[in-house]
Amino acid sequence: MRDRNRRAEGGGSSGAVERFGWAPNGPDRRPRSNGMGWLGRLGTRNTDVSRIFPKQSRTIAAKALLGVMLFGALATGAAFYYGTPAYYRAGYQPVQPIAFSHELHIKQVGLDCTYCHNHVKESWFSNVPATSTCWNCHGADKGNIKADSPLLAPLRESHRTGRPIEWVRVHKVPDFVYFNHEAHVNRGVSCVSCHGQINNMAEVYHAKPLTMSWCLECHRNPGPNLRPNDQVTNLSWDPRSDPRFAGKTMEQVGAELKESSGVRPPVDCTGCHR
């Protein structure tokens, strides 16, 4: 009877040793089960994990995890780069309904920026000229300049129907950014600082990145982008040829204008995000 009980208690011990590395009646005895089946046996000492998770499956899982991490990093980097104006706006040059040349009208004709963009000094936005503004020069009953040109057919149609010309917007900041043209123009920031040398463009294109870092660079050091208020729309202005600043470096001119104009650009979030 005693032998039979011993066999009942120790039965299958060789199988346990072979499978899990310990004998039920030995010094390393562990509970046979904790109610979790094979998953519960993972916590026992000397458990042969490789029999449950083969080496090949562990290698595949590690490679898959590494691949997911790399893909996530690449996707995040691409979103930050390709989702910024520096990528998808800079260089943008749409086809306009009328091939208007700023170079011709500014450099040859001598028009001032405010003749067409007449609200820029008193409004947060720079308006697109109305048909009536163009008609002053090109209308047959007005200036009669190239009034019959095929290129000006959209202008004549707009004047006849009263529907505005559908100009394509070139410069645009995100909706969550507040930009005030009036505040910049009236403090000595010229058009060229944000829009490039418009006076040399036969067709307007997006010349500057207009990113947050680009704007902050100017807000932290506005001097290089400042000029006298009477020269804001003179896109060819050069301080070296201005007798008021004779013998002064660009840094000195910028510092002097910043001080005299009281320019103190905001550098905190509320300056542009309101």
C-alpha atoms as a PDB file:
ATOM      1  CA  MET A   1       0.000   0.000   0.000  1.00  0.00           C
ATOM      2  CA  ARG A   2       2.794   2.403   0.880  1.00  0.00           C
ATOM      3  CA  ASP A   3       4.580   1.609  -2.354  1.00  0.00           C
ATOM      4  CA  ARG A   4       1.395   2.212  -4.282  1.00  0.00           C
ATOM      5  CA  ASN A   5       0.951   5.647  -2.618  1.00  0.00           C
ATOM      6  CA  ARG A   6       4.532   6.553  -3.369  1.00  0.00           C
ATOM      7  CA  ARG A   7       4.005   5.624  -6.981  1.00  0.00           C
ATOM      8  CA  ALA A   8       0.820   7.704  -7.073  1.00  0.00           C
ATOM      9  CA  GLU A   9       2.597  10.724  -5.586  1.00  0.00           C
ATOM     10  CA  GLY A  10       5.700  10.380  -7.733  1.00  0.00           C
ATOM     11  CA  GLY A  11       4.064   9.118 -10.860  1.00  0.00           C
ATOM     12  CA  GLY A  12       5.026  10.996 -13.982  1.00  0.00           C
ATOM     13  CA  SER A  13       7.984  12.650 -12.251  1.00  0.00           C
ATOM     14  CA  SER A  14      10.307  11.730 -15.056  1.00  0.00           C
ATOM     15  CA  GLY A  15       7.941  13.409 -17.495  1.00  0.00           C
ATOM     16  CA  ALA A  16       7.869  16.579 -15.355  1.00  0.00           C
ATOM     17  CA  VAL A  17      11.655  16.621 -15.160  1.00  0.00           C
ATOM     18  CA  GLU A  18      11.893  16.139 -18.883  1.00  0.00           C
ATOM     19  CA  ARG A  19       9.315  18.840 -19.673  1.00  0.00           C
ATOM     20  CA  PHE A  20       9.950  21.516 -17.019  1.00  0.00           C
ATOM     21  CA  GLY A  21      13.358  20.763 -15.481  1.00  0.00           C
ATOM     22  CA  TRP A  22      12.230  19.966 -11.897  1.00  0.00           C
ATOM     23  CA  ALA A  23      10.857  16.969 -10.038  1.00  0.00           C
ATOM     24  CA  PRO A  24       7.542  17.254  -8.103  1.00  0.00           C
ATOM     25  CA  ASN A  25       9.085  15.625  -5.008  1.00  0.00           C
ATOM     26  CA  GLY A  26      12.556  17.188  -5.365  1.00  0.00           C
ATOM     27  CA  PRO A  27      14.054  20.206  -3.614  1.00  0.00           C
ATOM     28  CA  ASP A  28      12.824  22.508  -6.398  1.00  0.00           C
ATOM     29  CA  ARG A  29       9.238  21.416  -6.159  1.00  0.00           C
ATOM     30  CA  ARG A  30       6.737  23.948  -7.551  1.00  0.00           C
ATOM     31  CA  PRO A  31       2.937  23.852  -7.660  1.00  0.00           C
ATOM     32  CA  ARG A  32       1.628  21.730 -10.468  1.00  0.00           C
ATOM     33  CA  SER A  33      -0.853  24.381 -11.614  1.00  0.00           C
ATOM     34  CA  ASN A  34      -2.024  27.833 -10.720  1.00  0.00           C
ATOM     35  CA  GLY A  35      -5.170  27.673 -12.776  1.00  0.00           C
ATOM     36  CA  MET A  36      -3.595  29.354 -15.829  1.00  0.00           C
ATOM     37  CA  GLY A  37      -2.418  26.278 -17.708  1.00  0.00           C
ATOM     38  CA  TRP A  38       0.788  26.568 -19.720  1.00  0.00           C
ATOM     39  CA  LEU A  39       0.757  30.363 -19.334  1.00  0.00           C
ATOM     40  CA  GLY A  40       1.022  30.016 -15.600  1.00  0.00           C
ATOM     41  CA  ARG A  41       3.994  27.683 -15.920  1.00  0.00           C
ATOM     42  CA  LEU A  42       6.033  30.438 -17.615  1.00  0.00           C
ATOM     43  CA  GLY A  43       6.798  31.853 -14.160  1.00  0.00           C
ATOM     44  CA  THR A  44       8.365  28.631 -12.906  1.00  0.00           C
ATOM     45  CA  ARG A  45      12.100  28.290 -12.724  1.00  0.00           C
ATOM     46  CA  ASN A  46      13.937  26.621 -15.567  1.00  0.00           C
ATOM     47  CA  THR A  47      10.897  26.760 -17.833  1.00  0.00           C
ATOM     48  CA  ASP A  48      11.973  26.074 -21.397  1.00  0.00           C
ATOM     49  CA  VAL A  49      10.431  29.142 -23.117  1.00  0.00           C
ATOM     50  CA  SER A  50      11.920  28.159 -26.453  1.00  0.00           C
ATOM     51  CA  ARG A  51       9.484  25.229 -26.587  1.00  0.00           C
ATOM     52  CA  ILE A  52       6.549  27.625 -26.281  1.00  0.00           C
ATOM     53  CA  PHE A  53       7.971  30.479 -28.377  1.00  0.00           C
ATOM     54  CA  PRO A  54      10.419  29.076 -30.932  1.00  0.00           C
ATOM     55  CA  LYS A  55      13.484  31.169 -31.726  1.00  0.00           C
ATOM     56  CA  GLN A  56      12.225  31.873 -35.228  1.00  0.00           C
ATOM     57  CA  SER A  57       8.969  33.414 -33.971  1.00  0.00           C
ATOM     58  CA  ARG A  58      10.843  35.631 -31.500  1.00  0.00           C
ATOM     59  CA  THR A  59      13.128  36.890 -34.295  1.00  0.00           C
ATOM     60  CA  ILE A  60      10.173  37.675 -36.533  1.00  0.00           C
ATOM     61  CA  ALA A  61       8.403  39.562 -33.730  1.00  0.00           C
ATOM     62  CA  ALA A  62      11.516  41.646 -33.006  1.00  0.00           C
ATOM     63  CA  LYS A  63      11.939  42.522 -36.671  1.00  0.00           C
ATOM     64  CA  ALA A  64       8.267  43.416 -36.978  1.00  0.00           C
ATOM     65  CA  LEU A  65       8.444  45.700 -33.939  1.00  0.00           C
ATOM     66  CA  LEU A  66      11.574  47.390 -35.296  1.00  0.00           C
ATOM     67  CA  GLY A  67       9.872  47.870 -38.651  1.00  0.00           C
ATOM     68  CA  VAL A  68       6.820  49.478 -37.047  1.00  0.00           C
ATOM     69  CA  MET A  69       9.030  51.858 -35.045  1.00  0.00           C
ATOM     70  CA  LEU A  70      11.041  52.867 -38.121  1.00  0.00           C
ATOM     71  CA  PHE A  71       7.886  53.401 -40.170  1.00  0.00           C
ATOM     72  CA  GLY A  72       6.403  55.554 -37.406  1.00  0.00           C
ATOM     73  CA  ALA A  73       9.534  57.694 -37.220  1.00  0.00           C
ATOM     74  CA  LEU A  74       9.636  58.160 -40.996  1.00  0.00           C
ATOM     75  CA  ALA A  75       5.922  58.966 -41.174  1.00  0.00           C
ATOM     76  CA  THR A  76       6.255  61.552 -38.396  1.00  0.00           C
ATOM     77  CA  GLY A  77       9.264  63.193 -40.049  1.00  0.00           C
ATOM     78  CA  ALA A  78       7.537  63.264 -43.434  1.00  0.00           C
ATOM     79  CA  ALA A  79       4.414  64.835 -41.923  1.00  0.00           C
ATOM     80  CA  PHE A  80       6.439  67.585 -40.252  1.00  0.00           C
ATOM     81  CA  TYR A  81       8.408  68.317 -43.437  1.00  0.00           C
ATOM     82  CA  TYR A  82       5.904  67.853 -46.248  1.00  0.00           C
ATOM     83  CA  GLY A  83       3.111  69.419 -44.194  1.00  0.00           C
ATOM     84  CA  THR A  84       4.809  72.806 -43.846  1.00  0.00           C
ATOM     85  CA  PRO A  85       4.486  75.839 -46.108  1.00  0.00           C
ATOM     86  CA  ALA A  86       8.218  75.643 -46.774  1.00  0.00           C
ATOM     87  CA  TYR A  87       7.519  72.531 -48.848  1.00  0.00           C
ATOM     88  CA  TYR A  88       4.054  72.843 -50.347  1.00  0.00           C
ATOM     89  CA  ARG A  89       3.877  76.654 -50.814  1.00  0.00           C
ATOM     90  CA  ALA A  90       7.376  77.955 -51.512  1.00  0.00           C
ATOM     91  CA  GLY A  91       7.849  78.129 -55.267  1.00  0.00           C
ATOM     92  CA  TYR A  92       4.099  77.935 -55.909  1.00  0.00           C
ATOM     93  CA  GLN A  93       3.242  79.854 -59.100  1.00  0.00           C
ATOM     94  CA  PRO A  94      -0.344  79.385 -60.257  1.00  0.00           C
ATOM     95  CA  VAL A  95      -1.678  80.381 -63.660  1.00  0.00           C
ATOM     96  CA  GLN A  96      -3.757  83.541 -63.317  1.00  0.00           C
ATOM     97  CA  PRO A  97      -6.789  84.488 -65.454  1.00  0.00           C
ATOM     98  CA  ILE A  98      -4.796  87.515 -66.666  1.00  0.00           C
ATOM     99  CA  ALA A  99      -1.024  87.343 -67.117  1.00  0.00           C
ATOM    100  CA  PHE A 100      -0.360  90.361 -64.912  1.00  0.00           C
ATOM    101  CA  SER A 101       3.314  91.359 -64.756  1.00  0.00           C
ATOM    102  CA  HIS A 102       4.419  93.147 -61.607  1.00  0.00           C
ATOM    103  CA  GLU A 103       7.767  93.754 -63.259  1.00  0.00           C
ATOM    104  CA  LEU A 104       6.157  95.707 -66.100  1.00  0.00           C
ATOM    105  CA  HIS A 105       3.764  97.709 -63.928  1.00  0.00           C
ATOM    106  CA  ILE A 106       6.302  98.558 -61.183  1.00  0.00           C
ATOM    107  CA  LYS A 107       9.604  98.952 -62.990  1.00  0.00           C
ATOM    108  CA  GLN A 108       8.424 100.258 -66.367  1.00  0.00           C
ATOM    109  CA  VAL A 109       5.137 102.012 -65.605  1.00  0.00           C
ATOM    110  CA  GLY A 110       6.189 103.071 -62.110  1.00  0.00           C
ATOM    111  CA  LEU A 111       2.999 102.135 -60.253  1.00  0.00           C
ATOM    112  CA  ASP A 112       3.154 102.128 -56.466  1.00  0.00           C
ATOM    113  CA  CYS A 113       2.037  98.966 -54.655  1.00  0.00           C
ATOM    114  CA  THR A 114      -0.746 100.838 -52.891  1.00  0.00           C
ATOM    115  CA  TYR A 115      -2.413 101.873 -56.150  1.00  0.00           C
ATOM    116  CA  CYS A 116      -3.681  98.315 -56.614  1.00  0.00           C
ATOM    117  CA  HIS A 117      -3.426  97.068 -53.013  1.00  0.00           C
ATOM    118  CA  ASN A 118      -4.982 100.196 -51.611  1.00  0.00           C
ATOM    119  CA  HIS A 119      -6.072  98.800 -48.231  1.00  0.00           C
ATOM    120  CA  VAL A 120      -2.720  97.355 -47.180  1.00  0.00           C
ATOM    121  CA  LYS A 121      -1.850 100.271 -44.876  1.00  0.00           C
ATOM    122  CA  GLU A 122      -5.187 100.321 -43.105  1.00  0.00           C
ATOM    123  CA  SER A 123      -6.272  96.705 -42.939  1.00  0.00           C
ATOM    124  CA  TRP A 124      -5.018  93.351 -41.712  1.00  0.00           C
ATOM    125  CA  PHE A 125      -5.244  91.936 -45.258  1.00  0.00           C
ATOM    126  CA  SER A 126      -3.837  93.062 -48.602  1.00  0.00           C
ATOM    127  CA  ASN A 127      -6.770  93.329 -50.997  1.00  0.00           C
ATOM    128  CA  VAL A 128      -6.740  92.176 -54.592  1.00  0.00           C
ATOM    129  CA  PRO A 129      -7.483  95.113 -56.929  1.00  0.00           C
ATOM    130  CA  ALA A 130     -11.062  95.478 -58.087  1.00  0.00           C
ATOM    131  CA  THR A 131     -11.979  95.454 -61.760  1.00  0.00           C
ATOM    132  CA  SER A 132     -12.583  99.187 -61.592  1.00  0.00           C
ATOM    133  CA  THR A 133      -8.945  99.742 -60.595  1.00  0.00           C
ATOM    134  CA  CYS A 134      -7.668  97.921 -63.669  1.00  0.00           C
ATOM    135  CA  TRP A 135     -10.304  99.588 -65.829  1.00  0.00           C
ATOM    136  CA  ASN A 136      -8.921 103.029 -64.973  1.00  0.00           C
ATOM    137  CA  CYS A 137      -5.957 102.293 -67.225  1.00  0.00           C
ATOM    138  CA  HIS A 138      -7.235  99.623 -69.605  1.00  0.00           C
ATOM    139  CA  GLY A 139     -10.869 100.577 -70.148  1.00  0.00           C
ATOM    140  CA  ALA A 140     -11.785 101.875 -73.602  1.00  0.00           C
ATOM    141  CA  ASP A 141     -13.639 104.775 -71.997  1.00  0.00           C
ATOM    142  CA  LYS A 142     -10.820 105.431 -69.505  1.00  0.00           C
ATOM    143  CA  GLY A 143      -7.088 105.145 -70.074  1.00  0.00           C
ATOM    144  CA  ASN A 144      -7.594 103.044 -73.206  1.00  0.00           C
ATOM    145  CA  ILE A 145      -4.216 101.326 -72.746  1.00  0.00           C
ATOM    146  CA  LYS A 146      -4.266  98.082 -74.761  1.00  0.00           C
ATOM    147  CA  ALA A 147      -8.025  98.103 -74.360  1.00  0.00           C
ATOM    148  CA  ASP A 148      -8.506  95.584 -77.182  1.00  0.00           C
ATOM    149  CA  SER A 149      -5.751  93.177 -76.145  1.00  0.00           C
ATOM    150  CA  PRO A 150      -6.879  89.517 -76.171  1.00  0.00           C
ATOM    151  CA  LEU A 151      -5.017  89.080 -72.891  1.00  0.00           C
ATOM    152  CA  LEU A 152      -7.445  91.501 -71.236  1.00  0.00           C
ATOM    153  CA  ALA A 153     -10.601  89.667 -72.340  1.00  0.00           C
ATOM    154  CA  PRO A 154     -11.323  88.527 -68.727  1.00  0.00           C
ATOM    155  CA  LEU A 155     -11.145  92.184 -67.617  1.00  0.00           C
ATOM    156  CA  ARG A 156     -13.643  93.288 -70.246  1.00  0.00           C
ATOM    157  CA  GLU A 157     -15.943  90.416 -69.362  1.00  0.00           C
ATOM    158  CA  SER A 158     -15.747  91.294 -65.671  1.00  0.00           C
ATOM    159  CA  HIS A 159     -16.577  94.926 -66.423  1.00  0.00           C
ATOM    160  CA  ARG A 160     -19.517  93.922 -68.617  1.00  0.00           C
ATOM    161  CA  THR A 161     -21.058  91.371 -66.229  1.00  0.00           C
ATOM    162  CA  GLY A 162     -20.086  92.853 -62.874  1.00  0.00           C
ATOM    163  CA  ARG A 163     -18.546  89.533 -61.768  1.00  0.00           C
ATOM    164  CA  PRO A 164     -15.076  89.850 -60.213  1.00  0.00           C
ATOM    165  CA  ILE A 165     -12.000  88.399 -61.868  1.00  0.00           C
ATOM    166  CA  GLU A 166     -11.170  85.057 -60.267  1.00  0.00           C
ATOM    167  CA  TRP A 167      -7.560  85.693 -59.289  1.00  0.00           C
ATOM    168  CA  VAL A 168      -5.766  82.693 -57.753  1.00  0.00           C
ATOM    169  CA  ARG A 169      -4.399  83.363 -54.289  1.00  0.00           C
ATOM    170  CA  VAL A 170      -0.631  82.857 -54.019  1.00  0.00           C
ATOM    171  CA  HIS A 171       0.331  83.753 -50.435  1.00  0.00           C
ATOM    172  CA  LYS A 172      -1.563  82.168 -47.576  1.00  0.00           C
ATOM    173  CA  VAL A 173      -0.816  81.380 -43.948  1.00  0.00           C
ATOM    174  CA  PRO A 174      -2.735  78.675 -42.017  1.00  0.00           C
ATOM    175  CA  ASP A 175      -6.131  79.589 -40.568  1.00  0.00           C
ATOM    176  CA  PHE A 176      -4.774  79.416 -37.021  1.00  0.00           C
ATOM    177  CA  VAL A 177      -2.239  82.178 -37.737  1.00  0.00           C
ATOM    178  CA  TYR A 178      -3.092  85.863 -37.387  1.00  0.00           C
ATOM    179  CA  PHE A 179      -1.115  88.193 -39.638  1.00  0.00           C
ATOM    180  CA  ASN A 180      -1.750  91.933 -39.822  1.00  0.00           C
ATOM    181  CA  HIS A 181      -0.439  93.733 -42.915  1.00  0.00           C
ATOM    182  CA  GLU A 182      -1.166  97.142 -41.432  1.00  0.00           C
ATOM    183  CA  ALA A 183       0.977  96.490 -38.342  1.00  0.00           C
ATOM    184  CA  HIS A 184       3.964  95.470 -40.465  1.00  0.00           C
ATOM    185  CA  VAL A 185       3.756  98.003 -43.302  1.00  0.00           C
ATOM    186  CA  ASN A 186       3.277 100.981 -40.993  1.00  0.00           C
ATOM    187  CA  ARG A 187       6.342 100.008 -38.954  1.00  0.00           C
ATOM    188  CA  GLY A 188       8.745  99.871 -41.890  1.00  0.00           C
ATOM    189  CA  VAL A 189       8.492  96.269 -43.097  1.00  0.00           C
ATOM    190  CA  SER A 190       8.496  96.272 -46.895  1.00  0.00           C
ATOM    191  CA  CYS A 191       6.642  93.956 -49.259  1.00  0.00           C
ATOM    192  CA  VAL A 192       9.933  92.348 -50.305  1.00  0.00           C
ATOM    193  CA  SER A 193      10.583  91.015 -46.793  1.00  0.00           C
ATOM    194  CA  CYS A 194       7.687  88.552 -47.018  1.00  0.00           C
ATOM    195  CA  HIS A 195       6.960  88.353 -50.754  1.00  0.00           C
ATOM    196  CA  GLY A 196      10.400  88.632 -52.287  1.00  0.00           C
ATOM    197  CA  GLN A 197      11.412  90.986 -55.105  1.00  0.00           C
ATOM    198  CA  ILE A 198       7.918  91.364 -56.549  1.00  0.00           C
ATOM    199  CA  ASN A 199       9.209  94.154 -58.789  1.00  0.00           C
ATOM    200  CA  ASN A 200      11.274  91.593 -60.716  1.00  0.00           C
ATOM    201  CA  MET A 201       8.492  89.031 -61.186  1.00  0.00           C
ATOM    202  CA  ALA A 202       6.786  88.740 -64.551  1.00  0.00           C
ATOM    203  CA  GLU A 203       4.517  86.244 -62.797  1.00  0.00           C
ATOM    204  CA  VAL A 204       4.111  86.258 -59.046  1.00  0.00           C
ATOM    205  CA  TYR A 205       5.275  83.168 -57.172  1.00  0.00           C
ATOM    206  CA  HIS A 206       5.590  82.181 -53.521  1.00  0.00           C
ATOM    207  CA  ALA A 207       9.181  83.219 -52.780  1.00  0.00           C
ATOM    208  CA  LYS A 208       9.446  82.947 -48.976  1.00  0.00           C
ATOM    209  CA  PRO A 209       8.653  79.927 -46.740  1.00  0.00           C
ATOM    210  CA  LEU A 210       6.391  81.844 -44.288  1.00  0.00           C
ATOM    211  CA  THR A 211       6.931  79.171 -41.636  1.00  0.00           C
ATOM    212  CA  MET A 212       6.741  79.866 -37.909  1.00  0.00           C
ATOM    213  CA  SER A 213      10.513  79.594 -37.457  1.00  0.00           C
ATOM    214  CA  TRP A 214      11.021  81.971 -40.386  1.00  0.00           C
ATOM    215  CA  CYS A 215       8.640  84.543 -38.861  1.00  0.00           C
ATOM    216  CA  LEU A 216      10.191  84.210 -35.405  1.00  0.00           C
ATOM    217  CA  GLU A 217      13.644  84.821 -36.832  1.00  0.00           C
ATOM    218  CA  CYS A 218      12.474  88.267 -37.958  1.00  0.00           C
ATOM    219  CA  HIS A 219      10.536  88.987 -34.766  1.00  0.00           C
ATOM    220  CA  ARG A 220      13.655  88.298 -32.699  1.00  0.00           C
ATOM    221  CA  ASN A 221      15.840  90.438 -34.943  1.00  0.00           C
ATOM    222  CA  PRO A 222      13.663  92.790 -37.032  1.00  0.00           C
ATOM    223  CA  GLY A 223      16.425  95.285 -37.878  1.00  0.00           C
ATOM    224  CA  PRO A 224      17.506  93.811 -41.252  1.00  0.00           C
ATOM    225  CA  ASN A 225      13.907  94.000 -42.515  1.00  0.00           C
ATOM    226  CA  LEU A 226      13.198  97.593 -41.499  1.00  0.00           C
ATOM    227  CA  ARG A 227      13.294 100.695 -43.681  1.00  0.00           C
ATOM    228  CA  PRO A 228      11.894 104.245 -43.451  1.00  0.00           C
ATOM    229  CA  ASN A 229       8.111 104.346 -43.810  1.00  0.00           C
ATOM    230  CA  ASP A 230       8.377 106.446 -46.968  1.00  0.00           C
ATOM    231  CA  GLN A 231      10.400 103.653 -48.600  1.00  0.00           C
ATOM    232  CA  VAL A 232       8.218 100.679 -47.692  1.00  0.00           C
ATOM    233  CA  THR A 233       6.752 100.391 -51.200  1.00  0.00           C
ATOM    234  CA  ASN A 234      10.001 101.320 -52.939  1.00  0.00           C
ATOM    235  CA  LEU A 235      11.003  97.753 -53.652  1.00  0.00           C
ATOM    236  CA  SER A 236      14.418  98.761 -54.994  1.00  0.00           C
ATOM    237  CA  TRP A 237      15.407 100.794 -51.920  1.00  0.00           C
ATOM    238  CA  ASP A 238      19.021 100.423 -50.811  1.00  0.00           C
ATOM    239  CA  PRO A 239      20.112 102.115 -47.539  1.00  0.00           C
ATOM    240  CA  ARG A 240      23.608 102.626 -48.938  1.00  0.00           C
ATOM    241  CA  SER A 241      22.205 105.041 -51.508  1.00  0.00           C
ATOM    242  CA  ASP A 242      20.011 106.872 -48.992  1.00  0.00           C
ATOM    243  CA  PRO A 243      21.769 110.064 -47.768  1.00  0.00           C
ATOM    244  CA  ARG A 244      20.041 109.734 -44.399  1.00  0.00           C
ATOM    245  CA  PHE A 245      22.148 106.654 -43.667  1.00  0.00           C
ATOM    246  CA  ALA A 246      25.427 107.596 -45.344  1.00  0.00           C
ATOM    247  CA  GLY A 247      28.415 105.757 -43.928  1.00  0.00           C
ATOM    248  CA  LYS A 248      26.327 103.387 -41.804  1.00  0.00           C
ATOM    249  CA  THR A 249      26.298  99.623 -41.950  1.00  0.00           C
ATOM    250  CA  MET A 250      23.126  97.612 -42.437  1.00  0.00           C
ATOM    251  CA  GLU A 251      23.218  96.592 -38.778  1.00  0.00           C
ATOM    252  CA  GLN A 252      23.434 100.214 -37.683  1.00  0.00           C
ATOM    253  CA  VAL A 253      20.579 101.244 -39.986  1.00  0.00           C
ATOM    254  CA  GLY A 254      18.384  98.430 -38.688  1.00  0.00           C
ATOM    255  CA  ALA A 255      19.128  99.239 -35.052  1.00  0.00           C
ATOM    256  CA  GLU A 256      18.428 102.938 -35.609  1.00  0.00           C
ATOM    257  CA  LEU A 257      15.105 102.283 -37.370  1.00  0.00           C
ATOM    258  CA  LYS A 258      14.037  99.782 -34.740  1.00  0.00           C
ATOM    259  CA  GLU A 259      14.637 102.320 -32.004  1.00  0.00           C
ATOM    260  CA  SER A 260      13.071 105.281 -33.793  1.00  0.00           C
ATOM    261  CA  SER A 261       9.979 103.313 -34.838  1.00  0.00           C
ATOM    262  CA  GLY A 262       9.535 101.659 -31.466  1.00  0.00           C
ATOM    263  CA  VAL A 263       9.418  98.220 -33.031  1.00  0.00           C
ATOM    264  CA  ARG A 264       8.930  95.521 -30.389  1.00  0.00           C
ATOM    265  CA  PRO A 265       7.621  92.418 -32.173  1.00  0.00           C
ATOM    266  CA  PRO A 266       5.951  89.778 -29.964  1.00  0.00           C
ATOM    267  CA  VAL A 267       7.751  86.462 -29.655  1.00  0.00           C
ATOM    268  CA  ASP A 268       5.206  84.616 -27.532  1.00  0.00           C
ATOM    269  CA  CYS A 269       2.403  82.400 -28.865  1.00  0.00           C
ATOM    270  CA  THR A 270      -0.379  84.969 -28.492  1.00  0.00           C
ATOM    271  CA  GLY A 271       1.305  87.302 -30.954  1.00  0.00           C
ATOM    272  CA  CYS A 272       0.199  85.195 -33.918  1.00  0.00           C
ATOM    273  CA  HIS A 273      -2.194  82.593 -32.446  1.00  0.00           C
ATOM    274  CA  ARG A 274      -5.271  84.379 -31.110  1.00  0.00           C
END
